[in-house]
């Protein structure tokens, strides 16, 4: 296994001490050699890191440990940067993703796709999580035009150069198909088996749906206006002018001019500042190296 791996599997984990060992064994049964399995411990407070240390085999089963919990996007970005494979697979570490689907994902990549996203069509999750996910995916399809049923599915396969070329920050991990599609890559979808969670609990639901919608607005602006920010500023200016006009028509006469001017100026400044900030941040290289506490190679 000293050869450069053909396939790298990147798995963010957080407090998954019961699942990392059986997941690793299941992956080793289906992965075509040469391969590597790379776990990113996102600030676990249980014995996850100790279990990963037991699994570690130089160049074959590797592990990265964050100083604290930095979130799934940071973990995926660090793992993708460290991965050496020509094909990079990402999956969750809770045993809900079925490792037996790995060969099928690799087959889709071999067919010419640059990114293949899993679709948990028969999802084994609580009703609240299922409803929240479907609502979010409907909104993504409506806003982005990318026809995927489960954009948030963490079970994905990428050509290595595609994964390494994506700028991941914030919570953009769920939008990698949108980012890849915007860059002209061929994006596909594959129905994958999904299992009930056996250990721990999920933190996704309606409480995170609002954040997901905000991220969707951000990613949509970045995709559409990162290369032509003046168009974004122009749209914000038109919306602000419309609000100012409405304020002028609705408020009493003594307040018409101050209300219209104040609301219009505040709207323009906030919208412009937000868009400029997002564009500037998106242009900066990712620096998740500072998140790493320990690393096993």
Protein backbone atom coordinates (compact mmCIF):
# COMPACT_ATOMS: atom_id res chain seq x y z
CA UNK A 1 0.00 0.00 0.00
CA UNK A 2 2.97 2.33 -0.47
CA UNK A 3 1.58 3.41 -3.85
CA UNK A 4 -0.16 6.75 -4.33
CA UNK A 5 -3.82 6.02 -3.58
CA UNK A 6 -6.34 5.99 -6.37
CA UNK A 7 -9.21 6.65 -3.95
CA UNK A 8 -9.24 8.76 -0.80
CA UNK A 9 -12.19 8.58 1.59
CA UNK A 10 -12.56 11.71 3.75
CA UNK A 11 -14.71 11.28 6.87
CA UNK A 12 -15.39 14.12 9.34
CA UNK A 13 -16.24 12.76 12.78
CA UNK A 14 -17.27 14.33 16.07
CA UNK A 15 -17.91 12.13 19.12
CA UNK A 16 -18.21 8.96 17.04
CA UNK A 17 -16.17 6.60 19.20
CA UNK A 18 -18.56 3.67 18.59
CA UNK A 19 -18.66 3.97 14.81
CA UNK A 20 -15.16 4.73 13.48
CA UNK A 21 -13.82 1.17 13.82
CA UNK A 22 -16.75 -0.67 12.15
CA UNK A 23 -16.90 2.00 9.45
CA UNK A 24 -13.20 1.60 8.72
CA UNK A 25 -13.53 -2.19 8.48
CA UNK A 26 -16.54 -1.93 6.18
CA UNK A 27 -14.72 0.48 3.86
CA UNK A 28 -11.66 -1.74 3.66
CA UNK A 29 -13.89 -4.54 2.37
CA UNK A 30 -15.15 -2.55 -0.63
CA UNK A 31 -12.41 -0.05 -1.56
CA UNK A 32 -10.29 -0.93 -4.60
CA UNK A 33 -6.56 -0.70 -3.85
CA UNK A 34 -4.61 1.45 -3.65
CA UNK A 35 -6.72 3.58 -1.31
CA UNK A 36 -6.54 5.64 1.86
CA UNK A 37 -9.08 6.39 4.59
CA UNK A 38 -8.72 9.80 6.20
CA UNK A 39 -10.64 10.67 9.38
CA UNK A 40 -10.89 14.26 10.60
CA UNK A 41 -11.70 14.47 14.31
CA UNK A 42 -13.60 17.72 14.63
CA UNK A 43 -12.93 18.43 18.30
CA UNK A 44 -14.40 15.25 19.80
CA UNK A 45 -14.76 15.19 23.58
CA UNK A 46 -15.12 11.41 23.90
CA UNK A 47 -12.66 8.63 22.98
CA UNK A 48 -12.91 9.11 19.20
CA UNK A 49 -9.26 10.15 18.85
CA UNK A 50 -8.09 7.17 20.92
CA UNK A 51 -10.05 4.85 18.63
CA UNK A 52 -8.54 6.51 15.55
CA UNK A 53 -5.06 6.07 16.99
CA UNK A 54 -5.76 2.32 17.22
CA UNK A 55 -6.91 2.24 13.59
CA UNK A 56 -3.97 4.25 12.26
CA UNK A 57 -1.76 2.56 9.68
CA UNK A 58 0.79 4.79 7.99
CA UNK A 59 -0.35 5.90 4.54
CA UNK A 60 -3.47 3.72 4.69
CA UNK A 61 -5.66 4.84 7.59
CA UNK A 62 -4.80 8.41 8.50
CA UNK A 63 -6.24 10.88 10.98
CA UNK A 64 -6.28 14.62 11.63
CA UNK A 65 -7.36 16.13 14.93
CA UNK A 66 -8.75 19.66 15.34
CA UNK A 67 -8.09 21.72 18.45
CA UNK A 68 -11.83 22.20 18.93
CA UNK A 69 -15.03 21.82 16.96
CA UNK A 70 -14.71 23.98 13.84
CA UNK A 71 -17.62 22.49 11.89
CA UNK A 72 -18.11 20.10 9.02
CA UNK A 73 -16.96 22.46 6.28
CA UNK A 74 -13.58 23.06 7.95
CA UNK A 75 -13.16 19.34 8.53
CA UNK A 76 -13.94 18.49 4.91
CA UNK A 77 -11.64 21.24 3.62
CA UNK A 78 -8.74 19.95 5.76
CA UNK A 79 -9.38 16.37 4.68
CA UNK A 80 -9.62 17.22 0.99
CA UNK A 81 -6.41 19.21 1.19
CA UNK A 82 -4.62 16.29 2.83
CA UNK A 83 -6.10 13.62 0.52
CA UNK A 84 -3.80 12.22 -2.17
CA UNK A 85 -6.25 10.21 -4.28
CA UNK A 86 -7.30 10.78 -7.87
CA UNK A 87 -10.88 10.33 -6.66
CA UNK A 88 -12.07 11.72 -3.32
CA UNK A 89 -15.14 10.36 -1.56
CA UNK A 90 -16.75 12.12 1.40
CA UNK A 91 -19.14 10.49 3.82
CA UNK A 92 -20.46 10.84 7.35
CA UNK A 93 -19.00 8.83 10.20
CA UNK A 94 -22.25 7.78 11.88
CA UNK A 95 -22.79 4.54 9.86
CA UNK A 96 -25.90 5.93 8.18
CA UNK A 97 -24.06 6.06 4.85
CA UNK A 98 -23.60 2.55 3.46
CA UNK A 99 -19.98 1.76 2.42
CA UNK A 100 -21.33 -0.83 -0.04
CA UNK A 101 -22.39 2.11 -2.23
CA UNK A 102 -18.77 3.15 -2.77
CA UNK A 103 -18.23 0.98 -5.90
CA UNK A 104 -21.38 2.43 -7.49
CA UNK A 105 -20.20 5.99 -6.83
CA UNK A 106 -16.83 5.16 -8.38
CA UNK A 107 -18.59 3.70 -11.42
CA UNK A 108 -20.45 6.98 -11.94
CA UNK A 109 -17.16 8.88 -11.81
CA UNK A 110 -15.76 6.43 -14.38
CA UNK A 111 -18.72 7.26 -16.63
CA UNK A 112 -17.43 10.80 -16.93
CA UNK A 113 -19.03 12.69 -14.06
CA UNK A 114 -16.86 15.12 -12.12
CA UNK A 115 -19.02 15.08 -8.99
CA UNK A 116 -21.62 12.51 -7.98
CA UNK A 117 -23.95 13.37 -5.11
CA UNK A 118 -25.81 10.71 -3.17
CA UNK A 119 -29.58 10.85 -2.89
CA UNK A 120 -31.03 9.36 0.30
CA UNK A 121 -34.36 8.67 -1.36
CA UNK A 122 -35.57 6.33 1.39
CA UNK A 123 -34.28 8.33 4.30
CA UNK A 124 -34.13 6.68 7.74
CA UNK A 125 -34.34 9.79 9.91
CA UNK A 126 -36.92 11.38 12.24
CA UNK A 127 -39.81 13.08 10.46
CA UNK A 128 -38.69 16.59 11.45
CA UNK A 129 -35.29 16.10 9.88
CA UNK A 130 -36.78 14.59 6.71
CA UNK A 131 -39.26 17.46 6.27
CA UNK A 132 -36.60 20.10 6.92
CA UNK A 133 -34.25 18.46 4.42
CA UNK A 134 -36.89 18.20 1.70
CA UNK A 135 -37.95 21.79 2.18
CA UNK A 136 -34.35 22.94 1.98
CA UNK A 137 -33.64 20.88 -1.15
CA UNK A 138 -36.77 22.24 -2.82
CA UNK A 139 -35.55 25.77 -2.12
CA UNK A 140 -32.09 24.95 -3.52
CA UNK A 141 -33.58 23.60 -6.75
CA UNK A 142 -35.87 26.62 -7.08
CA UNK A 143 -33.14 29.21 -6.51
CA UNK A 144 -30.14 27.57 -8.17
CA UNK A 145 -31.69 25.59 -11.00
CA UNK A 146 -29.47 22.62 -10.14
CA UNK A 147 -31.79 19.60 -10.26
CA UNK A 148 -30.55 17.51 -7.35
CA UNK A 149 -32.91 15.87 -4.87
CA UNK A 150 -30.49 15.79 -1.94
CA UNK A 151 -27.81 18.45 -2.29
CA UNK A 152 -27.08 18.25 1.44
CA UNK A 153 -26.15 14.55 1.34
CA UNK A 154 -22.61 14.14 2.66
CA UNK A 155 -22.03 10.96 0.63
CA UNK A 156 -20.34 12.27 -2.51
CA UNK A 157 -17.61 11.35 -4.98
CA UNK A 158 -15.37 13.91 -6.68
CA UNK A 159 -12.57 13.89 -9.16
CA UNK A 160 -9.60 15.00 -7.12
CA UNK A 161 -8.97 18.20 -9.03
CA UNK A 162 -12.62 19.21 -8.64
CA UNK A 163 -12.69 18.76 -4.87
CA UNK A 164 -9.35 20.51 -4.40
CA UNK A 165 -10.45 23.44 -6.53
CA UNK A 166 -13.56 24.29 -4.50
CA UNK A 167 -13.35 27.13 -1.97
CA UNK A 168 -14.99 25.86 1.19
CA UNK A 169 -15.72 28.10 4.14
CA UNK A 170 -18.54 28.83 6.54
CA UNK A 171 -21.02 25.99 5.97
CA UNK A 172 -20.58 25.73 2.22
CA UNK A 173 -19.99 21.97 2.33
CA UNK A 174 -23.64 21.32 1.48
CA UNK A 175 -23.38 23.45 -1.67
CA UNK A 176 -20.41 21.77 -3.40
CA UNK A 177 -22.59 20.56 -6.31
CA UNK A 178 -23.69 24.17 -6.93
CA UNK A 179 -20.10 25.42 -6.80
CA UNK A 180 -18.91 22.66 -9.13
CA UNK A 181 -21.78 23.23 -11.56
CA UNK A 182 -20.98 26.95 -11.66
CA UNK A 183 -17.40 26.09 -12.67
CA UNK A 184 -18.63 23.96 -15.56
CA UNK A 185 -18.12 20.51 -14.08
CA UNK A 186 -20.46 17.63 -14.84
CA UNK A 187 -22.59 16.91 -11.77
CA UNK A 188 -24.66 13.74 -11.30
CA UNK A 189 -26.80 12.04 -8.70
CA UNK A 190 -27.11 8.46 -7.45
CA UNK A 191 -29.72 6.92 -5.17
CA UNK A 192 -27.90 5.45 -2.16
CA UNK A 193 -29.00 3.28 0.74
CA UNK A 194 -29.45 4.98 4.08
CA UNK A 195 -29.51 3.43 7.54
CA UNK A 196 -31.05 4.59 10.83
CA UNK A 197 -28.67 6.26 13.25
CA UNK A 198 -27.54 3.73 15.86
CA UNK A 199 -25.33 5.93 18.02
CA UNK A 200 -25.57 9.54 19.15
CA UNK A 201 -28.05 12.00 17.72
CA UNK A 202 -28.32 14.32 14.75
CA UNK A 203 -28.20 18.08 15.17
CA UNK A 204 -29.92 18.87 11.86
CA UNK A 205 -33.54 19.98 11.74
CA UNK A 206 -35.69 23.08 11.58
CA UNK A 207 -33.32 24.91 13.95
CA UNK A 208 -30.61 24.83 11.26
CA UNK A 209 -32.95 25.37 8.34
CA UNK A 210 -32.83 29.15 8.72
CA UNK A 211 -29.03 29.15 8.57
CA UNK A 212 -29.19 26.96 5.50
CA UNK A 213 -31.44 29.46 3.71
CA UNK A 214 -29.07 32.32 4.57
CA UNK A 215 -26.16 30.29 3.20
CA UNK A 216 -28.18 29.58 0.06
CA UNK A 217 -28.69 33.32 -0.50
CA UNK A 218 -24.98 33.92 0.04
CA UNK A 219 -23.83 31.14 -2.28
CA UNK A 220 -26.29 32.27 -4.96
CA UNK A 221 -24.87 35.81 -4.89
CA UNK A 222 -21.31 34.50 -4.94
CA UNK A 223 -21.96 32.23 -7.91
CA UNK A 224 -23.76 34.92 -9.88
CA UNK A 225 -21.77 38.01 -8.96
CA UNK A 226 -18.28 37.00 -7.81
CA UNK A 227 -16.90 37.78 -11.25
CA UNK A 228 -19.18 40.80 -11.83
CA UNK A 229 -19.93 42.40 -8.46
CA UNK A 230 -21.25 45.59 -10.03
CA UNK A 231 -24.33 43.61 -11.13
CA UNK A 232 -24.95 42.64 -7.54
CA UNK A 233 -24.55 46.22 -6.39
CA UNK A 234 -26.96 47.32 -9.08
CA UNK A 235 -29.60 44.81 -7.97
CA UNK A 236 -29.24 45.95 -4.36
CA UNK A 237 -29.58 49.56 -5.48
CA UNK A 238 -32.80 48.81 -7.40
CA UNK A 239 -34.34 46.99 -4.43
CA UNK A 240 -33.38 49.82 -2.11
CA UNK A 241 -34.90 52.39 -4.45
CA UNK A 242 -38.12 50.37 -4.55
CA UNK A 243 -38.29 50.24 -0.76
CA UNK A 244 -37.61 53.93 -0.57
CA UNK A 245 -40.41 54.62 -3.03
CA UNK A 246 -42.81 52.46 -1.02
CA UNK A 247 -41.83 54.26 2.18
CA UNK A 248 -42.46 57.59 0.52
CA UNK A 249 -45.95 56.51 -0.51
CA UNK A 250 -47.02 54.97 2.82
CA UNK A 251 -45.70 57.11 5.67
CA UNK A 252 -47.26 60.45 6.72
CA UNK A 253 -46.03 63.59 4.96
CA UNK A 254 -43.61 64.94 7.59
CA UNK A 255 -41.76 61.63 7.62
CA UNK A 256 -41.76 60.87 3.91
CA UNK A 257 -38.42 62.36 2.95
CA UNK A 258 -36.44 61.28 6.06
CA UNK A 259 -37.90 57.75 5.96
CA UNK A 260 -37.25 57.26 2.28
CA UNK A 261 -33.71 58.62 2.42
CA UNK A 262 -32.77 56.79 5.61
CA UNK A 263 -34.17 53.43 4.52
CA UNK A 264 -32.67 53.70 1.05
CA UNK A 265 -29.21 54.68 2.28
CA UNK A 266 -29.11 52.02 4.98
CA UNK A 267 -30.27 49.35 2.53
CA UNK A 268 -27.71 50.29 -0.08
CA UNK A 269 -24.83 50.50 2.41
CA UNK A 270 -25.67 47.19 4.09
CA UNK A 271 -26.25 45.31 0.85
CA UNK A 272 -23.12 46.68 -0.78
CA UNK A 273 -20.98 46.06 2.30
CA UNK A 274 -22.27 42.50 2.60
CA UNK A 275 -21.65 41.64 -1.02
CA UNK A 276 -18.20 43.24 -1.06
CA UNK A 277 -17.25 41.38 2.10
CA UNK A 278 -18.44 38.05 0.70
CA UNK A 279 -16.55 38.55 -2.55
CA UNK A 280 -13.37 39.55 -0.72
CA UNK A 281 -13.56 36.59 1.67
CA UNK A 282 -14.27 34.19 -1.16
CA UNK A 283 -11.07 35.32 -2.86
CA UNK A 284 -8.93 34.46 0.14
CA UNK A 285 -7.21 31.05 0.33
CA UNK A 286 -8.59 28.63 2.89
CA UNK A 287 -6.45 28.29 6.01
CA UNK A 288 -7.72 25.35 8.02
CA UNK A 289 -4.17 24.39 8.97
CA UNK A 290 -4.52 26.41 12.14
CA UNK A 291 -7.41 24.17 13.18
CA UNK A 292 -5.28 21.03 13.34
CA UNK A 293 -4.08 19.88 16.73
CA UNK A 294 -2.52 16.53 15.84
CA UNK A 295 -2.00 14.50 12.69
CA UNK A 296 -1.20 10.86 11.97
CA UNK A 297 0.34 10.13 8.55
